[in-house]
């Protein structure tokens, strides 16, 4: 297990705080440099970050807290699902009849659904599911997702091998 800084993919209701204008927070070059430092090592001391970006430890601590409060980034422990007994991962495309939001909310509430995004294109929703095994995956898709009112169809993309997973896109 290791720590990673994950720059938020979007401003959702959990991450929106601060200015009520609805506009995303402005991130300056120093804050981006702090994020980059934390993406390299989520446990890097504030004093070391300060030295790298030209700020005091206290100033770095304040900026990190502001970035966290604004939902710009999260500092999380990232595990390899295989090492914690979760041997099956899949992306599931879902087509919905009618309003997508109730289905998205129901899927978001499922513990196995790690990533839920509304999309334009072939699917209304894309959902990443992490399960113990194939039987668990089948139960989640067949008994829980397909049973939701409004779900018209699903298509599953079972992961065979992970080739790349990074969280560095937040500062590009």
N, C-alpha and C. Protein backbone atom coordinates (compact mmCIF):
# COMPACT_ATOMS: atom_id res chain seq x y z
N UNK A 1 0.85 -1.17 0.00
CA UNK A 1 0.00 0.00 0.00
C UNK A 1 0.89 1.23 0.00
N UNK A 2 0.52 2.23 -0.75
CA UNK A 2 1.27 3.47 -0.77
C UNK A 2 0.30 4.64 -0.86
N UNK A 3 0.77 5.81 -0.51
CA UNK A 3 -0.08 7.00 -0.55
C UNK A 3 0.05 7.66 -1.90
N UNK A 4 -1.02 8.20 -2.37
CA UNK A 4 -1.02 8.94 -3.61
C UNK A 4 -1.85 10.20 -3.43
N UNK A 5 -1.49 11.22 -4.14
CA UNK A 5 -2.32 12.40 -4.22
C UNK A 5 -3.11 12.27 -5.51
N UNK A 6 -4.39 12.37 -5.40
CA UNK A 6 -5.25 12.23 -6.55
C UNK A 6 -5.91 13.57 -6.80
N UNK A 7 -5.55 14.21 -7.88
CA UNK A 7 -6.20 15.47 -8.24
C UNK A 7 -7.62 15.13 -8.66
N UNK A 8 -8.58 15.88 -8.17
CA UNK A 8 -9.98 15.56 -8.42
C UNK A 8 -10.27 15.54 -9.91
N UNK A 9 -11.07 14.54 -10.32
CA UNK A 9 -11.44 14.42 -11.73
C UNK A 9 -12.49 15.45 -12.11
N UNK A 10 -13.33 15.81 -11.16
CA UNK A 10 -14.34 16.83 -11.42
C UNK A 10 -14.78 17.41 -10.09
N UNK A 11 -15.45 18.53 -10.17
CA UNK A 11 -15.99 19.14 -8.95
C UNK A 11 -17.38 18.58 -8.74
N UNK A 12 -17.52 17.61 -7.83
CA UNK A 12 -18.83 17.06 -7.54
C UNK A 12 -19.32 17.61 -6.21
N UNK A 13 -20.49 17.17 -5.80
CA UNK A 13 -21.10 17.74 -4.60
C UNK A 13 -20.28 17.46 -3.35
N UNK A 14 -19.53 16.36 -3.29
CA UNK A 14 -18.70 16.08 -2.13
C UNK A 14 -17.51 17.01 -2.07
N UNK A 15 -17.04 17.46 -3.20
CA UNK A 15 -15.81 18.24 -3.24
C UNK A 15 -16.05 19.73 -3.33
N UNK A 16 -17.28 20.16 -3.55
CA UNK A 16 -17.48 21.60 -3.73
C UNK A 16 -17.63 22.26 -2.37
N UNK A 17 -16.74 23.18 -2.12
CA UNK A 17 -16.81 23.97 -0.91
C UNK A 17 -16.22 25.32 -1.23
N UNK A 18 -16.42 26.22 -0.35
CA UNK A 18 -15.86 27.54 -0.59
C UNK A 18 -16.78 28.36 -1.45
N UNK A 19 -16.20 29.13 -2.37
CA UNK A 19 -16.93 30.10 -3.18
C UNK A 19 -18.17 29.54 -3.82
N UNK A 20 -19.31 30.19 -3.57
CA UNK A 20 -20.58 29.71 -4.06
C UNK A 20 -20.82 30.05 -5.51
N UNK A 21 -19.85 30.57 -6.22
CA UNK A 21 -20.05 30.98 -7.61
C UNK A 21 -20.15 29.81 -8.56
N UNK A 22 -19.74 28.61 -8.12
CA UNK A 22 -19.79 27.45 -8.98
C UNK A 22 -18.59 27.32 -9.89
N UNK A 23 -17.71 28.31 -9.90
CA UNK A 23 -16.53 28.23 -10.75
C UNK A 23 -15.44 27.46 -10.03
N UNK A 24 -14.62 26.73 -10.78
CA UNK A 24 -13.55 25.97 -10.14
C UNK A 24 -12.52 26.88 -9.51
N UNK A 25 -11.86 26.41 -8.44
CA UNK A 25 -10.83 27.23 -7.80
C UNK A 25 -9.67 27.49 -8.75
N UNK A 26 -9.03 28.64 -8.59
CA UNK A 26 -7.85 28.98 -9.38
C UNK A 26 -6.63 28.38 -8.70
N UNK A 27 -5.83 27.65 -9.46
CA UNK A 27 -4.64 27.01 -8.93
C UNK A 27 -3.42 27.67 -9.55
N UNK A 28 -2.55 28.25 -8.72
CA UNK A 28 -1.36 28.90 -9.24
C UNK A 28 -0.22 27.90 -9.39
N UNK A 29 0.89 28.37 -9.94
CA UNK A 29 2.04 27.51 -10.23
C UNK A 29 2.63 26.89 -8.97
N UNK A 30 2.62 27.62 -7.86
CA UNK A 30 3.18 27.08 -6.62
C UNK A 30 2.30 25.93 -6.10
N UNK A 31 0.99 26.11 -6.15
CA UNK A 31 0.10 25.03 -5.72
C UNK A 31 0.26 23.80 -6.61
N UNK A 32 0.41 24.02 -7.91
CA UNK A 32 0.65 22.89 -8.81
C UNK A 32 1.96 22.18 -8.46
N UNK A 33 2.98 22.94 -8.11
CA UNK A 33 4.26 22.34 -7.72
C UNK A 33 4.11 21.53 -6.43
N UNK A 34 3.30 22.02 -5.50
CA UNK A 34 3.04 21.27 -4.27
C UNK A 34 2.33 19.96 -4.60
N UNK A 35 1.33 20.03 -5.46
CA UNK A 35 0.60 18.81 -5.88
C UNK A 35 1.57 17.82 -6.51
N UNK A 36 2.45 18.29 -7.39
CA UNK A 36 3.43 17.41 -8.03
C UNK A 36 4.32 16.73 -7.00
N UNK A 37 4.76 17.49 -6.00
CA UNK A 37 5.60 16.92 -4.94
C UNK A 37 4.84 15.80 -4.21
N UNK A 38 3.59 16.05 -3.89
CA UNK A 38 2.80 15.05 -3.18
C UNK A 38 2.43 13.86 -4.06
N UNK A 39 2.31 14.07 -5.37
CA UNK A 39 2.04 12.95 -6.26
C UNK A 39 3.24 12.01 -6.34
N UNK A 40 4.44 12.56 -6.21
CA UNK A 40 5.63 11.72 -6.18
C UNK A 40 5.70 10.91 -4.90
N UNK A 41 5.27 11.52 -3.77
CA UNK A 41 5.27 10.84 -2.48
C UNK A 41 4.24 11.53 -1.60
N UNK A 42 3.10 10.87 -1.39
CA UNK A 42 2.01 11.44 -0.62
C UNK A 42 2.35 11.66 0.85
N UNK A 43 3.47 11.09 1.31
CA UNK A 43 3.89 11.27 2.71
C UNK A 43 5.09 12.20 2.84
N UNK A 44 5.44 12.89 1.76
CA UNK A 44 6.59 13.80 1.80
C UNK A 44 6.35 14.89 2.85
N UNK A 45 7.33 15.15 3.72
CA UNK A 45 7.16 16.18 4.76
C UNK A 45 6.97 17.57 4.16
N UNK A 46 6.15 18.37 4.85
CA UNK A 46 5.90 19.73 4.39
C UNK A 46 7.19 20.55 4.30
N UNK A 47 8.13 20.30 5.20
CA UNK A 47 9.40 21.04 5.16
C UNK A 47 10.14 20.75 3.86
N UNK A 48 10.16 19.49 3.44
CA UNK A 48 10.83 19.12 2.18
C UNK A 48 10.11 19.73 0.98
N UNK A 49 8.79 19.72 1.02
CA UNK A 49 8.01 20.33 -0.06
C UNK A 49 8.31 21.83 -0.12
N UNK A 50 8.33 22.46 1.06
CA UNK A 50 8.61 23.90 1.12
C UNK A 50 9.95 24.24 0.52
N UNK A 51 10.95 23.42 0.82
CA UNK A 51 12.29 23.65 0.25
C UNK A 51 12.26 23.55 -1.27
N UNK A 52 11.50 22.58 -1.79
CA UNK A 52 11.43 22.38 -3.24
C UNK A 52 10.66 23.48 -3.97
N UNK A 53 9.66 24.07 -3.30
CA UNK A 53 8.82 25.06 -3.98
C UNK A 53 9.06 26.49 -3.50
N UNK A 54 9.95 26.67 -2.53
CA UNK A 54 10.30 28.01 -2.08
C UNK A 54 9.34 28.62 -1.08
N UNK A 55 8.72 27.78 -0.24
CA UNK A 55 7.81 28.28 0.80
C UNK A 55 8.22 27.72 2.15
N UNK A 56 7.73 28.32 3.21
CA UNK A 56 7.96 27.79 4.55
C UNK A 56 7.08 26.55 4.76
N UNK A 57 7.44 25.76 5.75
CA UNK A 57 6.64 24.58 6.09
C UNK A 57 5.20 24.98 6.42
N UNK A 58 5.03 26.05 7.18
CA UNK A 58 3.69 26.52 7.56
C UNK A 58 2.88 26.94 6.33
N UNK A 59 3.53 27.61 5.39
CA UNK A 59 2.83 28.05 4.17
C UNK A 59 2.39 26.85 3.34
N UNK A 60 3.25 25.82 3.27
CA UNK A 60 2.89 24.60 2.53
C UNK A 60 1.71 23.93 3.22
N UNK A 61 1.77 23.81 4.54
CA UNK A 61 0.68 23.18 5.31
C UNK A 61 -0.64 23.90 5.02
N UNK A 62 -0.61 25.23 5.02
CA UNK A 62 -1.81 26.03 4.76
C UNK A 62 -2.33 25.80 3.34
N UNK A 63 -1.43 25.80 2.38
CA UNK A 63 -1.85 25.59 0.98
C UNK A 63 -2.42 24.19 0.78
N UNK A 64 -1.77 23.18 1.36
CA UNK A 64 -2.27 21.81 1.23
C UNK A 64 -3.68 21.72 1.80
N UNK A 65 -3.88 22.29 2.99
CA UNK A 65 -5.20 22.25 3.60
C UNK A 65 -6.24 22.94 2.72
N UNK A 66 -5.88 24.07 2.12
CA UNK A 66 -6.80 24.78 1.23
C UNK A 66 -7.14 23.93 0.01
N UNK A 67 -6.13 23.27 -0.58
CA UNK A 67 -6.37 22.40 -1.74
C UNK A 67 -7.29 21.24 -1.37
N UNK A 68 -7.10 20.69 -0.19
CA UNK A 68 -7.98 19.62 0.29
C UNK A 68 -9.40 20.14 0.52
N UNK A 69 -9.52 21.27 1.19
CA UNK A 69 -10.83 21.86 1.49
C UNK A 69 -11.60 22.22 0.22
N UNK A 70 -10.89 22.66 -0.81
CA UNK A 70 -11.54 23.05 -2.07
C UNK A 70 -11.88 21.84 -2.93
N UNK A 71 -11.43 20.65 -2.53
CA UNK A 71 -11.69 19.46 -3.33
C UNK A 71 -10.81 19.35 -4.55
N UNK A 72 -9.72 20.12 -4.59
CA UNK A 72 -8.79 20.09 -5.72
C UNK A 72 -8.04 18.76 -5.73
N UNK A 73 -7.74 18.23 -4.54
CA UNK A 73 -6.99 16.98 -4.45
C UNK A 73 -7.43 16.22 -3.21
N UNK A 74 -7.06 14.95 -3.19
CA UNK A 74 -7.24 14.07 -2.04
C UNK A 74 -5.92 13.38 -1.80
N UNK A 75 -5.63 13.08 -0.56
CA UNK A 75 -4.47 12.24 -0.25
C UNK A 75 -5.04 10.94 0.26
N UNK A 76 -4.79 9.86 -0.48
CA UNK A 76 -5.40 8.57 -0.17
C UNK A 76 -4.36 7.46 -0.23
N UNK A 77 -4.66 6.35 0.43
CA UNK A 77 -3.84 5.15 0.31
C UNK A 77 -4.39 4.34 -0.86
N UNK A 78 -3.54 4.00 -1.79
CA UNK A 78 -3.94 3.23 -2.96
C UNK A 78 -3.41 1.81 -2.78
N UNK A 79 -4.29 0.84 -2.89
CA UNK A 79 -3.88 -0.55 -2.75
C UNK A 79 -3.99 -1.27 -4.08
N UNK A 80 -3.29 -2.37 -4.18
CA UNK A 80 -3.47 -3.29 -5.30
C UNK A 80 -4.63 -4.19 -4.89
N UNK A 81 -5.75 -4.16 -5.61
CA UNK A 81 -6.92 -4.95 -5.21
C UNK A 81 -6.60 -6.43 -5.01
N UNK A 82 -5.68 -6.97 -5.80
CA UNK A 82 -5.35 -8.39 -5.66
C UNK A 82 -4.78 -8.71 -4.29
N UNK A 83 -4.03 -7.79 -3.71
CA UNK A 83 -3.40 -8.05 -2.42
C UNK A 83 -4.37 -7.99 -1.26
N UNK A 84 -5.56 -7.44 -1.48
CA UNK A 84 -6.56 -7.36 -0.41
C UNK A 84 -7.77 -8.24 -0.72
N UNK A 85 -7.58 -9.26 -1.58
CA UNK A 85 -8.62 -10.25 -1.83
C UNK A 85 -9.66 -9.88 -2.85
N UNK A 86 -9.42 -8.84 -3.62
CA UNK A 86 -10.36 -8.43 -4.66
C UNK A 86 -9.76 -8.79 -6.01
N UNK A 87 -10.18 -9.95 -6.54
CA UNK A 87 -9.53 -10.51 -7.71
C UNK A 87 -10.23 -10.21 -9.04
N UNK A 88 -11.34 -9.53 -9.01
CA UNK A 88 -12.05 -9.27 -10.27
C UNK A 88 -12.41 -7.80 -10.36
N UNK A 89 -11.97 -7.18 -11.46
CA UNK A 89 -12.31 -5.80 -11.75
C UNK A 89 -12.93 -5.74 -13.14
N UNK A 90 -13.88 -4.84 -13.29
CA UNK A 90 -14.52 -4.67 -14.59
C UNK A 90 -15.03 -3.25 -14.72
N UNK A 91 -15.09 -2.78 -15.94
CA UNK A 91 -15.76 -1.53 -16.27
C UNK A 91 -17.11 -1.96 -16.86
N UNK A 92 -18.18 -1.33 -16.41
CA UNK A 92 -19.51 -1.68 -16.89
C UNK A 92 -20.14 -0.44 -17.50
N UNK A 93 -20.54 -0.56 -18.76
CA UNK A 93 -21.29 0.49 -19.42
C UNK A 93 -22.77 0.26 -19.18
N UNK A 94 -23.49 1.30 -18.82
CA UNK A 94 -24.91 1.18 -18.50
C UNK A 94 -25.70 2.14 -19.37
N UNK A 95 -26.75 1.62 -20.01
CA UNK A 95 -27.70 2.46 -20.74
C UNK A 95 -28.97 2.58 -19.91
N UNK A 96 -29.49 3.79 -19.85
CA UNK A 96 -30.61 4.11 -18.96
C UNK A 96 -31.77 4.66 -19.78
N UNK A 97 -32.99 4.29 -19.38
CA UNK A 97 -34.19 4.90 -19.93
C UNK A 97 -34.61 6.01 -18.98
N UNK A 98 -34.80 7.20 -19.51
CA UNK A 98 -35.23 8.31 -18.67
C UNK A 98 -34.06 8.98 -17.99
N UNK A 99 -34.31 9.51 -16.81
CA UNK A 99 -33.34 10.30 -16.05
C UNK A 99 -32.18 9.42 -15.57
N UNK A 100 -30.97 9.83 -15.88
CA UNK A 100 -29.77 9.08 -15.51
C UNK A 100 -29.43 9.24 -14.03
N UNK A 101 -29.75 10.38 -13.44
CA UNK A 101 -29.32 10.68 -12.07
C UNK A 101 -29.75 9.64 -11.03
N UNK A 102 -31.00 9.17 -11.00
CA UNK A 102 -31.36 8.18 -9.98
C UNK A 102 -30.55 6.88 -10.10
N UNK A 103 -30.28 6.46 -11.31
CA UNK A 103 -29.47 5.26 -11.51
C UNK A 103 -28.03 5.53 -11.08
N UNK A 104 -27.49 6.68 -11.46
CA UNK A 104 -26.13 7.04 -11.05
C UNK A 104 -26.02 7.10 -9.54
N UNK A 105 -27.01 7.67 -8.87
CA UNK A 105 -26.99 7.75 -7.41
C UNK A 105 -27.03 6.37 -6.78
N UNK A 106 -27.87 5.48 -7.31
CA UNK A 106 -27.99 4.13 -6.76
C UNK A 106 -26.69 3.34 -6.94
N UNK A 107 -26.08 3.47 -8.11
CA UNK A 107 -24.82 2.76 -8.37
C UNK A 107 -23.70 3.34 -7.50
N UNK A 108 -23.68 4.65 -7.36
CA UNK A 108 -22.67 5.30 -6.53
C UNK A 108 -22.73 4.79 -5.10
N UNK A 109 -23.90 4.46 -4.61
CA UNK A 109 -24.07 3.98 -3.24
C UNK A 109 -23.56 2.54 -3.04
N UNK A 110 -23.30 1.82 -4.11
CA UNK A 110 -22.83 0.44 -3.99
C UNK A 110 -21.34 0.43 -3.68
N UNK A 111 -20.95 -0.27 -2.64
CA UNK A 111 -19.55 -0.30 -2.18
C UNK A 111 -18.60 -0.81 -3.26
N UNK A 112 -19.04 -1.71 -4.09
CA UNK A 112 -18.18 -2.30 -5.12
C UNK A 112 -17.90 -1.35 -6.28
N UNK A 113 -18.69 -0.31 -6.42
CA UNK A 113 -18.55 0.64 -7.52
C UNK A 113 -17.59 1.74 -7.11
N UNK A 114 -16.38 1.69 -7.64
CA UNK A 114 -15.31 2.59 -7.23
C UNK A 114 -15.26 3.88 -8.04
N UNK A 115 -15.83 3.86 -9.22
CA UNK A 115 -15.73 5.01 -10.12
C UNK A 115 -17.02 5.04 -10.94
N UNK A 116 -17.73 6.15 -10.88
CA UNK A 116 -18.99 6.29 -11.61
C UNK A 116 -18.95 7.61 -12.35
N UNK A 117 -19.18 7.57 -13.65
CA UNK A 117 -19.14 8.79 -14.45
C UNK A 117 -20.28 8.78 -15.46
N UNK A 118 -20.97 9.91 -15.58
CA UNK A 118 -21.97 10.08 -16.62
C UNK A 118 -21.23 10.42 -17.90
N UNK A 119 -21.63 9.80 -19.01
CA UNK A 119 -20.89 9.97 -20.25
C UNK A 119 -21.80 10.34 -21.41
N UNK A 120 -21.17 10.80 -22.47
CA UNK A 120 -21.84 11.01 -23.75
C UNK A 120 -21.26 9.96 -24.68
N UNK A 121 -22.09 9.32 -25.44
CA UNK A 121 -21.60 8.28 -26.35
C UNK A 121 -22.44 7.03 -26.25
N UNK A 122 -21.80 5.87 -26.34
CA UNK A 122 -22.51 4.60 -26.38
C UNK A 122 -23.21 4.25 -25.07
N UNK A 123 -22.72 4.78 -23.95
CA UNK A 123 -23.30 4.47 -22.65
C UNK A 123 -23.65 5.76 -21.92
N UNK A 124 -24.66 5.68 -21.07
CA UNK A 124 -25.04 6.81 -20.24
C UNK A 124 -24.15 6.90 -19.01
N UNK A 125 -23.71 5.75 -18.51
CA UNK A 125 -22.84 5.67 -17.34
C UNK A 125 -21.72 4.68 -17.60
N UNK A 126 -20.56 4.97 -17.05
CA UNK A 126 -19.47 3.99 -17.00
C UNK A 126 -19.14 3.82 -15.52
N UNK A 127 -19.06 2.56 -15.10
CA UNK A 127 -18.88 2.24 -13.69
C UNK A 127 -17.75 1.22 -13.55
N UNK A 128 -16.76 1.54 -12.72
CA UNK A 128 -15.70 0.58 -12.43
C UNK A 128 -16.11 -0.19 -11.18
N UNK A 129 -16.07 -1.51 -11.29
CA UNK A 129 -16.48 -2.39 -10.20
C UNK A 129 -15.29 -3.22 -9.76
N UNK A 130 -15.10 -3.34 -8.45
CA UNK A 130 -14.03 -4.15 -7.89
C UNK A 130 -14.69 -5.18 -6.97
N UNK A 131 -14.46 -6.48 -7.26
CA UNK A 131 -15.14 -7.57 -6.55
C UNK A 131 -14.16 -8.65 -6.12
N UNK A 132 -14.67 -9.55 -5.28
CA UNK A 132 -13.86 -10.67 -4.80
C UNK A 132 -13.56 -11.68 -5.90
N UNK A 133 -14.57 -11.97 -6.74
CA UNK A 133 -14.42 -13.01 -7.76
C UNK A 133 -15.53 -12.85 -8.80
N UNK A 134 -15.57 -13.78 -9.76
CA UNK A 134 -16.57 -13.71 -10.82
C UNK A 134 -17.99 -13.81 -10.29
N UNK A 135 -18.23 -14.67 -9.30
CA UNK A 135 -19.57 -14.81 -8.73
C UNK A 135 -20.04 -13.50 -8.10
N UNK A 136 -19.15 -12.83 -7.41
CA UNK A 136 -19.46 -11.54 -6.79
C UNK A 136 -19.78 -10.51 -7.88
N UNK A 137 -18.97 -10.47 -8.94
CA UNK A 137 -19.21 -9.55 -10.05
C UNK A 137 -20.57 -9.82 -10.69
N UNK A 138 -20.88 -11.09 -10.92
CA UNK A 138 -22.16 -11.46 -11.51
C UNK A 138 -23.32 -11.00 -10.63
N UNK A 139 -23.18 -11.17 -9.33
CA UNK A 139 -24.24 -10.75 -8.39
C UNK A 139 -24.44 -9.24 -8.46
N UNK A 140 -23.35 -8.47 -8.48
CA UNK A 140 -23.47 -7.01 -8.53
C UNK A 140 -24.14 -6.57 -9.82
N UNK A 141 -23.72 -7.12 -10.95
CA UNK A 141 -24.28 -6.70 -12.24
C UNK A 141 -25.71 -7.21 -12.41
N UNK A 142 -25.90 -8.51 -12.23
CA UNK A 142 -27.17 -9.13 -12.56
C UNK A 142 -28.27 -8.87 -11.54
N UNK A 143 -27.95 -8.95 -10.28
CA UNK A 143 -28.97 -8.84 -9.23
C UNK A 143 -29.17 -7.42 -8.72
N UNK A 144 -28.13 -6.60 -8.83
CA UNK A 144 -28.24 -5.27 -8.24
C UNK A 144 -28.33 -4.16 -9.29
N UNK A 145 -27.38 -4.12 -10.25
CA UNK A 145 -27.41 -3.03 -11.24
C UNK A 145 -28.55 -3.23 -12.22
N UNK A 146 -28.66 -4.41 -12.82
CA UNK A 146 -29.73 -4.63 -13.80
C UNK A 146 -31.11 -4.56 -13.19
N UNK A 147 -31.22 -4.73 -11.88
CA UNK A 147 -32.51 -4.67 -11.19
C UNK A 147 -32.96 -3.23 -10.90
N UNK A 148 -32.08 -2.27 -11.10
CA UNK A 148 -32.44 -0.89 -10.82
C UNK A 148 -33.47 -0.37 -11.82
N UNK A 149 -34.49 0.34 -11.35
CA UNK A 149 -35.46 0.94 -12.28
C UNK A 149 -34.74 1.91 -13.22
N UNK A 150 -35.05 1.79 -14.50
CA UNK A 150 -34.45 2.67 -15.50
C UNK A 150 -33.26 2.08 -16.23
N UNK A 151 -32.66 1.00 -15.71
CA UNK A 151 -31.53 0.38 -16.40
C UNK A 151 -32.07 -0.40 -17.59
N UNK A 152 -31.65 0.00 -18.79
CA UNK A 152 -32.09 -0.65 -20.02
C UNK A 152 -31.16 -1.79 -20.40
N UNK A 153 -29.83 -1.55 -20.29
CA UNK A 153 -28.87 -2.59 -20.66
C UNK A 153 -27.52 -2.29 -20.03
N UNK A 154 -26.70 -3.33 -19.96
CA UNK A 154 -25.33 -3.18 -19.48
C UNK A 154 -24.39 -3.92 -20.41
N UNK A 155 -23.15 -3.49 -20.43
CA UNK A 155 -22.10 -4.21 -21.13
C UNK A 155 -20.86 -4.19 -20.24
N UNK A 156 -20.30 -5.38 -20.01
CA UNK A 156 -19.19 -5.52 -19.08
C UNK A 156 -17.87 -5.68 -19.82
N UNK A 157 -16.84 -5.04 -19.29
CA UNK A 157 -15.49 -5.13 -19.81
C UNK A 157 -14.61 -5.61 -18.66
N UNK A 158 -14.37 -6.92 -18.61
CA UNK A 158 -13.61 -7.52 -17.52
C UNK A 158 -12.13 -7.23 -17.72
N UNK A 159 -11.47 -6.79 -16.67
CA UNK A 159 -10.04 -6.50 -16.73
C UNK A 159 -9.26 -7.81 -16.70
N UNK A 160 -8.36 -7.98 -17.65
CA UNK A 160 -7.50 -9.16 -17.67
C UNK A 160 -6.14 -8.87 -17.05
N UNK A 161 -5.60 -7.69 -17.35
CA UNK A 161 -4.29 -7.33 -16.81
C UNK A 161 -4.17 -5.81 -16.80
N UNK A 162 -3.75 -5.28 -15.68
CA UNK A 162 -3.54 -3.84 -15.56
C UNK A 162 -2.16 -3.51 -16.09
N UNK A 163 -2.09 -2.66 -17.09
CA UNK A 163 -0.81 -2.26 -17.68
C UNK A 163 -0.34 -0.91 -17.17
N UNK A 164 -1.28 -0.02 -16.84
CA UNK A 164 -0.88 1.31 -16.37
C UNK A 164 -2.00 1.91 -15.55
N UNK A 165 -1.61 2.50 -14.42
CA UNK A 165 -2.55 3.27 -13.61
C UNK A 165 -1.75 4.35 -12.91
N UNK A 166 -2.01 5.59 -13.26
CA UNK A 166 -1.30 6.69 -12.64
C UNK A 166 -2.31 7.73 -12.17
N UNK A 167 -1.83 8.61 -11.34
CA UNK A 167 -2.66 9.71 -10.85
C UNK A 167 -1.93 11.03 -11.07
N UNK A 168 -1.11 11.10 -12.07
CA UNK A 168 -0.28 12.28 -12.32
C UNK A 168 -0.96 13.30 -13.22
N UNK A 169 -2.13 13.03 -13.74
CA UNK A 169 -2.75 13.91 -14.71
C UNK A 169 -3.20 15.24 -14.14
N UNK A 170 -3.27 15.38 -12.84
CA UNK A 170 -3.78 16.61 -12.26
C UNK A 170 -2.92 17.84 -12.46
N UNK A 171 -1.66 17.68 -12.86
CA UNK A 171 -0.80 18.85 -12.99
C UNK A 171 -0.24 19.01 -14.40
N UNK A 172 -0.69 18.23 -15.32
CA UNK A 172 -0.20 18.35 -16.69
C UNK A 172 -0.68 19.62 -17.33
